[in-house]
Amino acid sequence: MKWLVCFAGILVVLIAVNADVSHIVQENPVTEVCLRCICEASSDCDPTVRCTGEVCGMFRITWAYWSDAGKPVLQGDSPDSQSAYANCANDPQCAAATVQGYMRKFGQVRARRVQH
């Protein structure tokens, strides 16, 4: 029963941040502390950082990274929209969902490579 309440709480938070991550598994491989460290190292978590060159947002996300992460989008946006990548990468919650999606897909592969 406790897990159901916890899951419902997480679902409410995801809906509240306006990021459409319904196609992404709910388990997050990256902790909030780790996300904050990545953000700090990338841009000092400056919310005014936008697209420069081939990277966008506080996490300095490339189009390829966003695509590999499953193309998460803001609510009402389409992954096929020309502005979907920049809109997501420039939004702190959607950008964090992008990092989670990427690590969900490649995190174990990268960890195995490091061990060898």
N, C-alpha and C. Protein backbone atom coordinates (compact mmCIF):
# COMPACT_ATOMS: atom_id res chain seq x y z
N MET A 1 0.82 -1.19 0.00
CA MET A 1 0.00 0.00 0.00
C MET A 1 0.86 1.25 0.00
N LYS A 2 1.99 1.23 0.78
CA LYS A 2 2.86 2.40 0.84
C LYS A 2 3.45 2.73 -0.53
N TRP A 3 3.81 1.68 -1.30
CA TRP A 3 4.39 1.93 -2.61
C TRP A 3 3.38 2.59 -3.53
N LEU A 4 2.10 2.26 -3.37
CA LEU A 4 1.06 2.87 -4.20
C LEU A 4 0.94 4.36 -3.89
N VAL A 5 1.00 4.72 -2.63
CA VAL A 5 0.95 6.13 -2.24
C VAL A 5 2.17 6.86 -2.77
N CYS A 6 3.34 6.24 -2.66
CA CYS A 6 4.58 6.83 -3.16
C CYS A 6 4.51 7.02 -4.67
N PHE A 7 4.05 5.99 -5.38
CA PHE A 7 3.93 6.07 -6.83
C PHE A 7 2.96 7.18 -7.23
N ALA A 8 1.85 7.29 -6.53
CA ALA A 8 0.87 8.34 -6.81
C ALA A 8 1.49 9.72 -6.60
N GLY A 9 2.30 9.86 -5.56
CA GLY A 9 2.98 11.13 -5.30
C GLY A 9 3.95 11.49 -6.40
N ILE A 10 4.71 10.51 -6.86
CA ILE A 10 5.65 10.75 -7.96
C ILE A 10 4.90 11.14 -9.22
N LEU A 11 3.81 10.47 -9.49
CA LEU A 11 3.01 10.78 -10.68
C LEU A 11 2.49 12.21 -10.63
N VAL A 12 2.03 12.64 -9.48
CA VAL A 12 1.54 14.01 -9.33
C VAL A 12 2.67 15.01 -9.60
N VAL A 13 3.87 14.73 -9.09
CA VAL A 13 5.01 15.62 -9.32
C VAL A 13 5.35 15.68 -10.80
N LEU A 14 5.37 14.54 -11.48
CA LEU A 14 5.68 14.53 -12.90
C LEU A 14 4.67 15.33 -13.71
N ILE A 15 3.42 15.22 -13.37
CA ILE A 15 2.39 15.99 -14.06
C ILE A 15 2.57 17.47 -13.78
N ALA A 16 2.92 17.80 -12.56
CA ALA A 16 3.07 19.20 -12.16
C ALA A 16 4.22 19.90 -12.87
N VAL A 17 5.26 19.19 -13.26
CA VAL A 17 6.41 19.83 -13.90
C VAL A 17 6.23 20.02 -15.40
N ASN A 18 5.09 19.63 -15.91
CA ASN A 18 4.75 19.82 -17.32
C ASN A 18 5.68 19.10 -18.29
N ALA A 19 6.33 18.06 -17.86
CA ALA A 19 7.17 17.28 -18.76
C ALA A 19 6.42 15.99 -19.09
N ASP A 20 6.26 15.71 -20.37
CA ASP A 20 5.60 14.49 -20.78
C ASP A 20 6.62 13.37 -20.79
N VAL A 21 6.70 12.65 -19.69
CA VAL A 21 7.63 11.54 -19.57
C VAL A 21 6.87 10.23 -19.43
N SER A 22 5.66 10.18 -19.97
CA SER A 22 4.82 9.00 -19.83
C SER A 22 5.42 7.79 -20.53
N HIS A 23 6.29 8.04 -21.52
CA HIS A 23 6.90 6.94 -22.24
C HIS A 23 8.19 6.44 -21.56
N ILE A 24 8.57 7.06 -20.44
CA ILE A 24 9.78 6.70 -19.73
C ILE A 24 9.42 5.91 -18.48
N VAL A 25 10.16 4.84 -18.23
CA VAL A 25 9.96 4.04 -17.02
C VAL A 25 10.14 4.94 -15.80
N GLN A 26 9.37 4.70 -14.74
CA GLN A 26 9.36 5.59 -13.58
C GLN A 26 10.64 5.55 -12.74
N GLU A 27 11.40 4.47 -12.78
CA GLU A 27 12.60 4.38 -11.96
C GLU A 27 13.67 5.35 -12.46
N ASN A 28 14.19 6.18 -11.57
CA ASN A 28 15.22 7.14 -11.93
C ASN A 28 16.59 6.64 -11.51
N PRO A 29 17.50 6.44 -12.45
CA PRO A 29 18.83 5.93 -12.11
C PRO A 29 19.75 6.99 -11.50
N VAL A 30 19.43 8.27 -11.66
CA VAL A 30 20.28 9.35 -11.18
C VAL A 30 19.59 10.04 -10.00
N THR A 31 20.28 10.15 -8.88
CA THR A 31 19.71 10.81 -7.71
C THR A 31 19.61 12.31 -7.93
N GLU A 32 18.79 12.96 -7.12
CA GLU A 32 18.66 14.42 -7.20
C GLU A 32 20.01 15.10 -6.90
N VAL A 33 20.76 14.54 -5.96
CA VAL A 33 22.07 15.09 -5.62
C VAL A 33 23.00 15.01 -6.82
N CYS A 34 22.99 13.87 -7.50
CA CYS A 34 23.84 13.69 -8.68
C CYS A 34 23.41 14.63 -9.80
N LEU A 35 22.10 14.76 -10.01
CA LEU A 35 21.61 15.69 -11.03
C LEU A 35 22.10 17.11 -10.75
N ARG A 36 22.05 17.49 -9.49
CA ARG A 36 22.50 18.83 -9.10
C ARG A 36 23.99 19.00 -9.40
N CYS A 37 24.78 17.98 -9.13
CA CYS A 37 26.22 18.04 -9.42
C CYS A 37 26.48 18.17 -10.91
N ILE A 38 25.76 17.40 -11.71
CA ILE A 38 25.91 17.48 -13.17
C ILE A 38 25.54 18.88 -13.65
N CYS A 39 24.46 19.41 -13.12
CA CYS A 39 24.00 20.74 -13.48
C CYS A 39 25.04 21.80 -13.09
N GLU A 40 25.55 21.70 -11.87
CA GLU A 40 26.56 22.66 -11.40
C GLU A 40 27.81 22.60 -12.28
N ALA A 41 28.26 21.40 -12.61
CA ALA A 41 29.46 21.25 -13.43
C ALA A 41 29.24 21.74 -14.86
N SER A 42 28.02 21.62 -15.35
CA SER A 42 27.72 22.00 -16.73
C SER A 42 27.56 23.50 -16.92
N SER A 43 26.87 24.15 -15.96
CA SER A 43 26.51 25.57 -16.18
C SER A 43 26.37 26.38 -14.90
N ASP A 44 26.82 25.86 -13.78
CA ASP A 44 26.55 26.48 -12.48
C ASP A 44 25.05 26.56 -12.21
N CYS A 45 24.29 25.68 -12.85
CA CYS A 45 22.82 25.64 -12.74
C CYS A 45 22.20 27.00 -13.03
N ASP A 46 22.74 27.68 -14.00
CA ASP A 46 22.24 29.00 -14.39
C ASP A 46 20.96 28.83 -15.23
N PRO A 47 19.80 29.22 -14.70
CA PRO A 47 18.54 29.02 -15.42
C PRO A 47 18.40 29.93 -16.64
N THR A 48 19.29 30.90 -16.80
CA THR A 48 19.20 31.79 -17.96
C THR A 48 19.97 31.24 -19.16
N VAL A 49 20.74 30.16 -18.95
CA VAL A 49 21.50 29.56 -20.05
C VAL A 49 20.53 28.97 -21.06
N ARG A 50 20.73 29.31 -22.30
CA ARG A 50 19.90 28.78 -23.39
C ARG A 50 20.79 28.02 -24.36
N CYS A 51 20.42 27.98 -25.61
CA CYS A 51 21.20 27.27 -26.62
C CYS A 51 22.36 28.13 -27.10
N THR A 52 23.54 27.53 -27.10
CA THR A 52 24.72 28.14 -27.68
C THR A 52 25.47 27.05 -28.44
N GLY A 53 25.68 27.29 -29.71
CA GLY A 53 26.32 26.27 -30.53
C GLY A 53 25.44 25.03 -30.61
N GLU A 54 26.02 23.90 -30.25
CA GLU A 54 25.29 22.63 -30.36
C GLU A 54 24.74 22.13 -29.04
N VAL A 55 24.75 22.96 -28.00
CA VAL A 55 24.24 22.55 -26.69
C VAL A 55 23.19 23.52 -26.19
N CYS A 56 22.27 22.99 -25.37
CA CYS A 56 21.18 23.82 -24.82
C CYS A 56 20.99 23.56 -23.34
N GLY A 57 20.60 24.61 -22.63
CA GLY A 57 20.13 24.51 -21.26
C GLY A 57 21.20 24.31 -20.21
N MET A 58 20.72 24.23 -18.96
CA MET A 58 21.60 24.11 -17.80
C MET A 58 22.45 22.84 -17.81
N PHE A 59 21.96 21.78 -18.47
CA PHE A 59 22.72 20.54 -18.54
C PHE A 59 23.58 20.46 -19.80
N ARG A 60 23.54 21.52 -20.65
CA ARG A 60 24.31 21.59 -21.90
C ARG A 60 24.06 20.34 -22.75
N ILE A 61 22.80 20.10 -23.06
CA ILE A 61 22.36 18.89 -23.76
C ILE A 61 22.46 19.09 -25.27
N THR A 62 23.01 18.09 -25.95
CA THR A 62 23.05 18.10 -27.42
C THR A 62 21.78 17.44 -27.96
N TRP A 63 21.51 17.67 -29.24
CA TRP A 63 20.35 17.04 -29.86
C TRP A 63 20.49 15.52 -29.81
N ALA A 64 21.68 15.00 -30.09
CA ALA A 64 21.89 13.54 -30.10
C ALA A 64 21.64 12.94 -28.71
N TYR A 65 22.09 13.61 -27.66
CA TYR A 65 21.88 13.14 -26.28
C TYR A 65 20.39 13.11 -25.98
N TRP A 66 19.69 14.19 -26.33
CA TRP A 66 18.24 14.28 -26.13
C TRP A 66 17.53 13.17 -26.89
N SER A 67 17.95 12.93 -28.13
CA SER A 67 17.34 11.88 -28.95
C SER A 67 17.59 10.50 -28.33
N ASP A 68 18.83 10.24 -27.92
CA ASP A 68 19.16 8.96 -27.28
C ASP A 68 18.37 8.76 -25.99
N ALA A 69 18.01 9.86 -25.33
CA ALA A 69 17.26 9.79 -24.06
C ALA A 69 15.78 9.49 -24.28
N GLY A 70 15.36 9.41 -25.53
CA GLY A 70 13.96 9.10 -25.83
C GLY A 70 13.13 10.30 -26.24
N LYS A 71 13.79 11.43 -26.48
CA LYS A 71 13.12 12.66 -26.91
C LYS A 71 11.99 13.09 -25.97
N PRO A 72 12.29 13.26 -24.68
CA PRO A 72 11.23 13.76 -23.78
C PRO A 72 10.83 15.17 -24.21
N VAL A 73 9.58 15.51 -23.99
CA VAL A 73 9.06 16.82 -24.42
C VAL A 73 8.22 17.45 -23.32
N LEU A 74 8.05 18.76 -23.45
CA LEU A 74 7.13 19.47 -22.57
C LEU A 74 5.71 19.07 -22.91
N GLN A 75 4.83 19.17 -21.95
CA GLN A 75 3.43 18.83 -22.17
C GLN A 75 2.89 19.66 -23.33
N GLY A 76 2.23 19.00 -24.26
CA GLY A 76 1.64 19.66 -25.42
C GLY A 76 2.59 19.76 -26.60
N ASP A 77 3.85 19.42 -26.41
CA ASP A 77 4.84 19.46 -27.49
C ASP A 77 4.93 18.08 -28.12
N SER A 78 5.42 18.01 -29.33
CA SER A 78 5.61 16.75 -30.03
C SER A 78 7.10 16.51 -30.21
N PRO A 79 7.57 15.28 -30.04
CA PRO A 79 8.99 15.00 -30.26
C PRO A 79 9.44 15.33 -31.68
N ASP A 80 8.50 15.39 -32.60
CA ASP A 80 8.83 15.68 -33.99
C ASP A 80 8.84 17.17 -34.31
N SER A 81 8.43 17.99 -33.36
CA SER A 81 8.45 19.44 -33.55
C SER A 81 9.89 19.92 -33.64
N GLN A 82 10.15 20.89 -34.52
CA GLN A 82 11.51 21.41 -34.68
C GLN A 82 12.02 22.08 -33.41
N SER A 83 11.11 22.57 -32.58
CA SER A 83 11.53 23.26 -31.36
C SER A 83 11.51 22.36 -30.12
N ALA A 84 11.11 21.10 -30.26
CA ALA A 84 10.95 20.20 -29.10
C ALA A 84 12.26 20.03 -28.33
N TYR A 85 13.35 19.82 -29.04
CA TYR A 85 14.65 19.62 -28.38
C TYR A 85 15.04 20.84 -27.54
N ALA A 86 15.03 22.01 -28.14
CA ALA A 86 15.43 23.23 -27.42
C ALA A 86 14.45 23.53 -26.29
N ASN A 87 13.16 23.35 -26.54
CA ASN A 87 12.17 23.61 -25.50
C ASN A 87 12.43 22.74 -24.28
N CYS A 88 12.73 21.47 -24.51
CA CYS A 88 12.98 20.55 -23.40
C CYS A 88 14.31 20.84 -22.73
N ALA A 89 15.36 20.96 -23.51
CA ALA A 89 16.70 21.17 -22.94
C ALA A 89 16.80 22.46 -22.14
N ASN A 90 15.99 23.46 -22.51
CA ASN A 90 16.01 24.74 -21.80
C ASN A 90 15.07 24.78 -20.60
N ASP A 91 14.31 23.72 -20.39
CA ASP A 91 13.41 23.61 -19.25
C ASP A 91 14.07 22.71 -18.20
N PRO A 92 14.29 23.21 -16.98
CA PRO A 92 15.02 22.42 -15.98
C PRO A 92 14.44 21.02 -15.72
N GLN A 93 13.14 20.90 -15.60
CA GLN A 93 12.54 19.59 -15.31
C GLN A 93 12.64 18.65 -16.51
N CYS A 94 12.38 19.16 -17.69
CA CYS A 94 12.46 18.31 -18.89
C CYS A 94 13.91 17.92 -19.16
N ALA A 95 14.83 18.85 -18.92
CA ALA A 95 16.25 18.55 -19.10
C ALA A 95 16.69 17.46 -18.12
N ALA A 96 16.22 17.54 -16.87
CA ALA A 96 16.54 16.50 -15.89
C ALA A 96 15.95 15.16 -16.32
N ALA A 97 14.74 15.19 -16.89
CA ALA A 97 14.13 13.96 -17.41
C ALA A 97 14.96 13.40 -18.57
N THR A 98 15.58 14.28 -19.34
CA THR A 98 16.45 13.85 -20.43
C THR A 98 17.67 13.11 -19.88
N VAL A 99 18.30 13.66 -18.86
CA VAL A 99 19.45 13.00 -18.23
C VAL A 99 19.02 11.64 -17.67
N GLN A 100 17.88 11.60 -17.01
CA GLN A 100 17.37 10.33 -16.46
C GLN A 100 17.15 9.31 -17.58
N GLY A 101 16.53 9.75 -18.67
CA GLY A 101 16.26 8.85 -19.79
C GLY A 101 17.53 8.31 -20.42
N TYR A 102 18.51 9.19 -20.57
CA TYR A 102 19.79 8.77 -21.15
C TYR A 102 20.48 7.75 -20.24
N MET A 103 20.51 8.05 -18.96
CA MET A 103 21.17 7.13 -18.02
C MET A 103 20.40 5.83 -17.86
N ARG A 104 19.10 5.90 -18.00
CA ARG A 104 18.30 4.68 -17.94
C ARG A 104 18.68 3.77 -19.10
N LYS A 105 18.94 4.37 -20.25
CA LYS A 105 19.26 3.60 -21.45
C LYS A 105 20.72 3.14 -21.47
N PHE A 106 21.64 4.02 -21.08
CA PHE A 106 23.06 3.74 -21.25
C PHE A 106 23.86 3.60 -19.96
N GLY A 107 23.28 3.90 -18.83
CA GLY A 107 24.02 3.89 -17.57
C GLY A 107 24.70 2.57 -17.25
N GLN A 108 24.02 1.46 -17.42
CA GLN A 108 24.60 0.15 -17.12
C GLN A 108 25.68 -0.21 -18.12
N VAL A 109 25.50 0.15 -19.37
CA VAL A 109 26.51 -0.13 -20.39
C VAL A 109 27.79 0.62 -20.05
N ARG A 110 27.67 1.90 -19.70
CA ARG A 110 28.83 2.71 -19.35
C ARG A 110 29.51 2.16 -18.10
N ALA A 111 28.75 1.74 -17.11
CA ALA A 111 29.32 1.21 -15.87
C ALA A 111 30.11 -0.07 -16.15
N ARG A 112 29.61 -0.93 -17.02
CA ARG A 112 30.32 -2.16 -17.37
C ARG A 112 31.63 -1.85 -18.08
N ARG A 113 31.62 -0.84 -18.96
CA ARG A 113 32.84 -0.48 -19.68
C ARG A 113 33.91 0.04 -18.72
N VAL A 114 33.51 0.79 -17.73
CA VAL A 114 34.46 1.34 -16.77
C VAL A 114 35.11 0.23 -15.96
N GLN A 115 34.36 -0.82 -15.64
CA GLN A 115 34.86 -1.91 -14.82
C GLN A 115 35.89 -2.77 -15.56
N HIS A 116 35.86 -2.77 -16.87
CA HIS A 116 36.78 -3.63 -17.63
C HIS A 116 38.11 -3.00 -17.83
